[in-house]
């Protein structure tokens, strides 16, 4: 599993600067360096040690070690003050599955991690792929809103 770190920098006209740190595909599979539990604990420890404010963890709760283990890892992030966002359950590419299957996968993730998500819900498309077919993309966007 590769952990994608996306840093979004937003500058407003009112002279303020803001940065959002996000992690995709959490909590992840076992790798050469970490088991998922170790990676979660280490990341939480490092973020706290560096005094990083809450980050957004975009989760795929059906991948890796499965929903039960992933929910436990995501709960650790939530309890550490971080934000949990939906990144679909299995990380499909929108163009490969179409809007109906994509909605089903997104709902499946929501059913697993919904209790960890705040009042404001965040979603990120896997692969940042919103779809090439405008009607399909618009169908999902309408459902999402």
Protein backbone atom coordinates (compact mmCIF):
# COMPACT_ATOMS: atom_id res chain seq x y z
CA UNK A 1 0.00 0.00 0.00
CA UNK A 2 1.35 3.35 -0.80
CA UNK A 3 0.37 6.23 1.35
CA UNK A 4 -0.33 9.31 -0.69
CA UNK A 5 0.22 12.59 1.04
CA UNK A 6 -1.50 15.49 -0.57
CA UNK A 7 -0.73 18.98 0.60
CA UNK A 8 -3.22 21.60 -0.41
CA UNK A 9 -2.17 25.22 -0.10
CA UNK A 10 -4.85 27.88 -0.15
CA UNK A 11 -4.07 31.59 -0.10
CA UNK A 12 -6.94 33.99 0.43
CA UNK A 13 -7.10 37.60 -0.59
CA UNK A 14 -7.48 38.58 3.07
CA UNK A 15 -3.75 37.95 3.73
CA UNK A 16 -4.27 34.73 5.65
CA UNK A 17 -2.55 31.51 4.73
CA UNK A 18 -3.86 28.04 5.38
CA UNK A 19 -2.52 24.59 4.65
CA UNK A 20 -4.41 21.30 4.82
CA UNK A 21 -2.50 18.07 5.32
CA UNK A 22 -4.32 14.95 4.18
CA UNK A 23 -3.50 11.25 4.02
CA UNK A 24 -5.20 8.99 1.49
CA UNK A 25 -5.82 5.22 1.52
CA UNK A 26 -5.70 4.84 5.28
CA UNK A 27 -5.05 2.85 7.31
CA UNK A 28 -3.16 0.75 4.76
CA UNK A 29 -1.69 -2.69 4.35
CA UNK A 30 1.33 -4.29 5.93
CA UNK A 31 4.51 -3.08 4.26
CA UNK A 32 8.22 -3.78 4.58
CA UNK A 33 8.44 -1.12 7.27
CA UNK A 34 5.16 -1.24 9.20
CA UNK A 35 2.12 -3.26 10.10
CA UNK A 36 -1.02 -1.08 9.91
CA UNK A 37 -1.26 -0.72 13.70
CA UNK A 38 2.38 0.34 13.95
CA UNK A 39 2.00 2.85 11.11
CA UNK A 40 -1.10 4.37 12.72
CA UNK A 41 0.57 4.68 16.13
CA UNK A 42 3.78 6.11 14.65
CA UNK A 43 1.97 8.63 12.48
CA UNK A 44 -0.19 9.81 15.39
CA UNK A 45 2.92 10.08 17.60
CA UNK A 46 4.88 12.04 14.97
CA UNK A 47 2.03 14.43 14.19
CA UNK A 48 1.53 15.10 17.90
CA UNK A 49 5.27 15.53 18.47
CA UNK A 50 5.47 18.05 15.64
CA UNK A 51 2.37 19.84 16.99
CA UNK A 52 0.58 19.40 13.66
CA UNK A 53 -3.08 20.44 13.92
CA UNK A 54 -5.75 17.94 12.85
CA UNK A 55 -5.19 16.32 9.47
CA UNK A 56 -7.79 14.64 7.27
CA UNK A 57 -7.48 10.88 6.93
CA UNK A 58 -9.27 9.72 3.75
CA UNK A 59 -10.16 6.11 4.47
CA UNK A 60 -10.76 2.94 2.44
CA UNK A 61 -12.20 0.79 5.23
CA UNK A 62 -12.63 -2.38 3.12
CA UNK A 63 -9.00 -2.66 1.99
CA UNK A 64 -5.97 -3.85 3.93
CA UNK A 65 -6.79 -5.93 6.99
CA UNK A 66 -10.55 -5.50 6.55
CA UNK A 67 -13.28 -3.32 8.03
CA UNK A 68 -12.97 -4.37 11.68
CA UNK A 69 -9.20 -3.78 11.91
CA UNK A 70 -9.42 -0.63 9.79
CA UNK A 71 -12.21 0.79 11.96
CA UNK A 72 -9.99 0.29 15.04
CA UNK A 73 -7.09 2.13 13.35
CA UNK A 74 -9.34 4.96 12.16
CA UNK A 75 -10.78 5.25 15.67
CA UNK A 76 -7.23 5.89 16.93
CA UNK A 77 -6.89 8.76 14.44
CA UNK A 78 -10.28 10.16 15.46
CA UNK A 79 -9.45 9.89 19.17
CA UNK A 80 -6.18 11.74 18.50
CA UNK A 81 -8.23 14.65 17.11
CA UNK A 82 -7.89 14.00 13.39
CA UNK A 83 -10.69 14.12 10.82
CA UNK A 84 -11.92 11.02 9.01
CA UNK A 85 -13.07 11.37 5.40
CA UNK A 86 -14.60 8.93 2.93
CA UNK A 87 -12.38 7.69 0.08
CA UNK A 88 -14.77 4.85 -0.90
CA UNK A 89 -14.65 1.36 0.55
CA UNK A 90 -12.43 -0.40 -1.99
CA UNK A 91 -10.80 2.51 -3.90
CA UNK A 92 -12.28 1.89 -7.37
CA UNK A 93 -11.51 4.14 -10.31
CA UNK A 94 -14.75 5.98 -11.17
CA UNK A 95 -14.30 5.46 -14.91
CA UNK A 96 -13.89 1.69 -14.40
CA UNK A 97 -17.06 1.11 -12.36
CA UNK A 98 -19.51 3.88 -13.29
CA UNK A 99 -21.72 5.99 -11.05
CA UNK A 100 -24.04 3.29 -9.67
CA UNK A 101 -21.28 0.98 -8.45
CA UNK A 102 -19.28 4.01 -7.26
CA UNK A 103 -22.24 5.21 -5.17
CA UNK A 104 -22.62 1.71 -3.70
CA UNK A 105 -18.94 1.59 -2.77
CA UNK A 106 -19.11 5.06 -1.22
CA UNK A 107 -22.22 4.12 0.78
CA UNK A 108 -20.51 0.93 1.95
CA UNK A 109 -17.62 3.01 3.31
CA UNK A 110 -20.04 5.44 4.95
CA UNK A 111 -21.82 2.56 6.66
CA UNK A 112 -18.53 1.43 8.20
CA UNK A 113 -16.89 4.76 9.10
CA UNK A 114 -19.89 7.08 9.34
CA UNK A 115 -19.77 7.16 13.13
CA UNK A 116 -16.17 8.43 12.94
CA UNK A 117 -16.96 11.23 10.53
CA UNK A 118 -17.89 14.64 11.87
CA UNK A 119 -20.91 16.75 11.08
CA UNK A 120 -19.12 18.08 8.00
CA UNK A 121 -18.42 15.09 5.78
CA UNK A 122 -15.40 15.01 3.50
CA UNK A 123 -15.02 12.90 0.37
CA UNK A 124 -12.08 12.44 -2.00
CA UNK A 125 -12.23 10.58 -5.30
CA UNK A 126 -9.75 7.69 -5.58
CA UNK A 127 -6.99 8.60 -8.04
CA UNK A 128 -8.60 12.10 -8.09
CA UNK A 129 -10.66 10.56 -10.94
CA UNK A 130 -14.07 12.24 -11.16
CA UNK A 131 -14.95 10.54 -14.43
CA UNK A 132 -14.50 11.36 -18.09
CA UNK A 133 -18.18 11.00 -19.02
CA UNK A 134 -19.86 14.25 -18.02
CA UNK A 135 -23.33 12.75 -17.44
CA UNK A 136 -21.90 10.01 -15.17
CA UNK A 137 -19.77 12.53 -13.27
CA UNK A 138 -22.73 14.86 -12.84
CA UNK A 139 -24.91 11.97 -11.64
CA UNK A 140 -22.45 11.15 -8.86
CA UNK A 141 -21.92 14.80 -7.96
CA UNK A 142 -25.68 15.26 -7.63
CA UNK A 143 -25.90 12.19 -5.39
CA UNK A 144 -22.91 13.35 -3.35
CA UNK A 145 -24.41 16.77 -2.69
